[in-house]
Amino acid sequence: GSNRNGQLGTGASLENATTPVQVGTATGWASVTTGFAHTCAARTDGTLWCWGENGYGQLGGGTGLQTTPVQVGTATTWAKVDSSLDSSCAARTDGSLWCWGKNTSGQLGDGTTTHRSTPAQLVL
């Protein structure tokens, strides 16, 4: 697929792939999700990783374009992750829900329209 923004995680951008490519050498990936130009994945060790476009903080940390996976914080309690256009949300093993990225229309569910570059817990 398209790798214009490094969303394939291969360490380079603008090198599109027409067949599957491995993301690094790490193993133990549990789930993966894609947004418009970013990708996030949870590992079996409970860590969370994202890569690609980061204009709205949708990678949950770091700055600018990331063409290889970047760990989201230091928590080891991530269970699942899902991404949309320019934002992501993830559940932790304790059942709490966290979201980050673009929030123009309140899509992060935190009652604001403030973009978040790090995961913010939803409190209902």
C-alpha atoms as a PDB file:
ATOM      1  CA  GLY A   1       0.000   0.000   0.000  1.00  0.00           C
ATOM      2  CA  SER A   2       0.863   3.644   0.199  1.00  0.00           C
ATOM      3  CA  ASN A   3       3.848   4.622   2.290  1.00  0.00           C
ATOM      4  CA  ARG A   4       3.811   8.329   1.523  1.00  0.00           C
ATOM      5  CA  ASN A   5       3.810   9.163   5.244  1.00  0.00           C
ATOM      6  CA  GLY A   6       5.807   6.203   6.522  1.00  0.00           C
ATOM      7  CA  GLN A   7       2.656   4.326   7.552  1.00  0.00           C
ATOM      8  CA  LEU A   8       4.143   0.971   6.502  1.00  0.00           C
ATOM      9  CA  GLY A   9       6.793   1.288   9.216  1.00  0.00           C
ATOM     10  CA  THR A  10       9.654   0.182   6.971  1.00  0.00           C
ATOM     11  CA  GLY A  11      11.978   3.050   7.880  1.00  0.00           C
ATOM     12  CA  ALA A  12      11.473   4.952   4.642  1.00  0.00           C
ATOM     13  CA  SER A  13       8.687   7.025   3.192  1.00  0.00           C
ATOM     14  CA  LEU A  14       7.537   7.284  -0.417  1.00  0.00           C
ATOM     15  CA  GLU A  15       8.380   3.614  -1.105  1.00  0.00           C
ATOM     16  CA  ASN A  16       4.980   2.073  -1.747  1.00  0.00           C
ATOM     17  CA  ALA A  17       4.599  -1.703  -1.448  1.00  0.00           C
ATOM     18  CA  THR A  18       2.521  -3.963  -3.662  1.00  0.00           C
ATOM     19  CA  THR A  19       3.156  -7.034  -1.501  1.00  0.00           C
ATOM     20  CA  PRO A  20       3.300  -7.443   2.306  1.00  0.00           C
ATOM     21  CA  VAL A  21       6.403  -6.060   4.035  1.00  0.00           C
ATOM     22  CA  GLN A  22       7.634  -6.883   7.522  1.00  0.00           C
ATOM     23  CA  VAL A  23       7.711  -4.062  10.066  1.00  0.00           C
ATOM     24  CA  GLY A  24      11.134  -4.322  11.669  1.00  0.00           C
ATOM     25  CA  THR A  25      12.297  -7.599  13.189  1.00  0.00           C
ATOM     26  CA  ALA A  26      10.180  -7.610  16.360  1.00  0.00           C
ATOM     27  CA  THR A  27       7.710 -10.409  16.936  1.00  0.00           C
ATOM     28  CA  GLY A  28       4.816 -10.692  19.339  1.00  0.00           C
ATOM     29  CA  TRP A  29       2.382  -8.287  17.697  1.00  0.00           C
ATOM     30  CA  ALA A  30      -1.147  -8.851  19.034  1.00  0.00           C
ATOM     31  CA  SER A  31      -3.271  -6.408  17.008  1.00  0.00           C
ATOM     32  CA  VAL A  32      -2.855  -3.698  14.411  1.00  0.00           C
ATOM     33  CA  THR A  33      -5.013  -0.828  13.167  1.00  0.00           C
ATOM     34  CA  THR A  34      -4.612   1.828  10.509  1.00  0.00           C
ATOM     35  CA  GLY A  35      -5.739   5.411  10.234  1.00  0.00           C
ATOM     36  CA  PHE A  36      -5.521   7.599   7.149  1.00  0.00           C
ATOM     37  CA  ALA A  37      -1.723   7.890   7.175  1.00  0.00           C
ATOM     38  CA  HIS A  38      -0.684   6.259  10.442  1.00  0.00           C
ATOM     39  CA  THR A  39      -0.611   2.784  11.939  1.00  0.00           C
ATOM     40  CA  CYS A  40      -0.744   1.594  15.559  1.00  0.00           C
ATOM     41  CA  ALA A  41      -0.176  -1.866  17.004  1.00  0.00           C
ATOM     42  CA  ALA A  42      -0.310  -3.521  20.407  1.00  0.00           C
ATOM     43  CA  ARG A  43       2.245  -6.165  21.348  1.00  0.00           C
ATOM     44  CA  THR A  44       1.748  -9.242  23.477  1.00  0.00           C
ATOM     45  CA  ASP A  45       3.985  -7.664  26.147  1.00  0.00           C
ATOM     46  CA  GLY A  46       1.337  -4.942  26.635  1.00  0.00           C
ATOM     47  CA  THR A  47       3.265  -2.143  24.914  1.00  0.00           C
ATOM     48  CA  LEU A  48       1.728   0.081  22.259  1.00  0.00           C
ATOM     49  CA  TRP A  49       3.492   1.353  19.136  1.00  0.00           C
ATOM     50  CA  CYS A  50       2.521   3.814  16.362  1.00  0.00           C
ATOM     51  CA  TRP A  51       4.157   5.138  13.189  1.00  0.00           C
ATOM     52  CA  GLY A  52       3.455   7.335  10.165  1.00  0.00           C
ATOM     53  CA  GLU A  53       1.975  10.849   9.953  1.00  0.00           C
ATOM     54  CA  ASN A  54       1.858  12.746  13.249  1.00  0.00           C
ATOM     55  CA  GLY A  55       0.428  16.166  12.381  1.00  0.00           C
ATOM     56  CA  TYR A  56      -2.258  15.988  15.081  1.00  0.00           C
ATOM     57  CA  GLY A  57      -0.437  13.868  17.649  1.00  0.00           C
ATOM     58  CA  GLN A  58      -2.054  10.676  16.342  1.00  0.00           C
ATOM     59  CA  LEU A  59       1.067   8.663  17.186  1.00  0.00           C
ATOM     60  CA  GLY A  60       0.611   9.304  20.888  1.00  0.00           C
ATOM     61  CA  GLY A  61       4.079  10.787  21.309  1.00  0.00           C
ATOM     62  CA  GLY A  62       7.126  11.905  19.418  1.00  0.00           C
ATOM     63  CA  THR A  63       7.117  14.712  16.925  1.00  0.00           C
ATOM     64  CA  GLY A  64       6.811  14.790  13.185  1.00  0.00           C
ATOM     65  CA  LEU A  65       6.718  11.931  10.744  1.00  0.00           C
ATOM     66  CA  GLN A  66       7.884   8.580  12.154  1.00  0.00           C
ATOM     67  CA  THR A  67       8.781   5.948   9.555  1.00  0.00           C
ATOM     68  CA  THR A  68       9.425   3.189  12.106  1.00  0.00           C
ATOM     69  CA  PRO A  69       7.394   2.182  15.181  1.00  0.00           C
ATOM     70  CA  VAL A  70       7.618   4.538  18.177  1.00  0.00           C
ATOM     71  CA  GLN A  71       6.446   3.354  21.588  1.00  0.00           C
ATOM     72  CA  VAL A  72       3.451   5.190  23.050  1.00  0.00           C
ATOM     73  CA  GLY A  73       4.559   6.060  26.579  1.00  0.00           C
ATOM     74  CA  THR A  74       6.001   3.391  28.853  1.00  0.00           C
ATOM     75  CA  ALA A  75       2.856   1.526  29.947  1.00  0.00           C
ATOM     76  CA  THR A  76       2.785  -2.232  29.527  1.00  0.00           C
ATOM     77  CA  THR A  77      -0.951  -2.600  30.081  1.00  0.00           C
ATOM     78  CA  TRP A  78      -2.358  -1.923  26.614  1.00  0.00           C
ATOM     79  CA  ALA A  79      -4.827  -4.550  25.419  1.00  0.00           C
ATOM     80  CA  LYS A  80      -6.343  -3.269  22.152  1.00  0.00           C
ATOM     81  CA  VAL A  81      -6.043  -0.277  19.851  1.00  0.00           C
ATOM     82  CA  ASP A  82      -8.182   1.179  17.078  1.00  0.00           C
ATOM     83  CA  SER A  83      -7.488   4.137  14.793  1.00  0.00           C
ATOM     84  CA  SER A  84      -9.588   6.427  12.664  1.00  0.00           C
ATOM     85  CA  LEU A  85      -8.680   9.162  10.215  1.00  0.00           C
ATOM     86  CA  ASP A  86      -6.266  11.165  12.408  1.00  0.00           C
ATOM     87  CA  SER A  87      -6.829   9.805  15.916  1.00  0.00           C
ATOM     88  CA  SER A  88      -6.567   6.593  17.910  1.00  0.00           C
ATOM     89  CA  CYS A  89      -8.098   5.044  21.015  1.00  0.00           C
ATOM     90  CA  ALA A  90      -6.863   2.118  23.058  1.00  0.00           C
ATOM     91  CA  ALA A  91      -8.110   0.040  25.967  1.00  0.00           C
ATOM     92  CA  ARG A  92      -5.894  -1.026  28.822  1.00  0.00           C
ATOM     93  CA  THR A  93      -6.080  -4.343  30.626  1.00  0.00           C
ATOM     94  CA  ASP A  94      -7.860  -2.640  33.551  1.00  0.00           C
ATOM     95  CA  GLY A  95     -10.706  -1.690  31.177  1.00  0.00           C
ATOM     96  CA  SER A  96      -9.871   2.020  30.997  1.00  0.00           C
ATOM     97  CA  LEU A  97     -10.126   3.792  27.634  1.00  0.00           C
ATOM     98  CA  TRP A  98      -7.581   6.280  26.312  1.00  0.00           C
ATOM     99  CA  CYS A  99      -7.651   8.443  23.147  1.00  0.00           C
ATOM    100  CA  TRP A 100      -5.306  10.848  21.342  1.00  0.00           C
ATOM    101  CA  GLY A 101      -4.849  12.724  18.059  1.00  0.00           C
ATOM    102  CA  LYS A 102      -7.111  15.083  16.132  1.00  0.00           C
ATOM    103  CA  ASN A 103     -10.149  16.264  18.077  1.00  0.00           C
ATOM    104  CA  THR A 104     -11.690  19.014  15.925  1.00  0.00           C
ATOM    105  CA  SER A 105     -15.170  17.496  16.186  1.00  0.00           C
ATOM    106  CA  GLY A 106     -14.807  16.052  19.686  1.00  0.00           C
ATOM    107  CA  GLN A 107     -14.047  12.584  18.332  1.00  0.00           C
ATOM    108  CA  LEU A 108     -11.772  11.797  21.287  1.00  0.00           C
ATOM    109  CA  GLY A 109     -14.806  11.847  23.576  1.00  0.00           C
ATOM    110  CA  ASP A 110     -13.165  13.951  26.276  1.00  0.00           C
ATOM    111  CA  GLY A 111     -15.681  16.814  26.104  1.00  0.00           C
ATOM    112  CA  THR A 112     -13.253  19.157  24.318  1.00  0.00           C
ATOM    113  CA  THR A 113     -12.088  19.920  20.804  1.00  0.00           C
ATOM    114  CA  THR A 114      -8.422  20.035  21.846  1.00  0.00           C
ATOM    115  CA  HIS A 115      -5.998  17.857  19.888  1.00  0.00           C
ATOM    116  CA  ARG A 116      -4.053  15.459  22.132  1.00  0.00           C
ATOM    117  CA  SER A 117      -0.505  14.327  21.368  1.00  0.00           C
ATOM    118  CA  THR A 118      -0.457  11.820  24.226  1.00  0.00           C
ATOM    119  CA  PRO A 119      -3.155   9.395  25.390  1.00  0.00           C
ATOM    120  CA  ALA A 120      -5.811  10.978  27.613  1.00  0.00           C
ATOM    121  CA  GLN A 121      -8.063   8.773  29.719  1.00  0.00           C
ATOM    122  CA  LEU A 122     -11.774   9.057  29.093  1.00  0.00           C
ATOM    123  CA  VAL A 123     -13.743   9.596  32.278  1.00  0.00           C
ATOM    124  CA  LEU A 124     -17.449   9.050  31.872  1.00  0.00           C
END
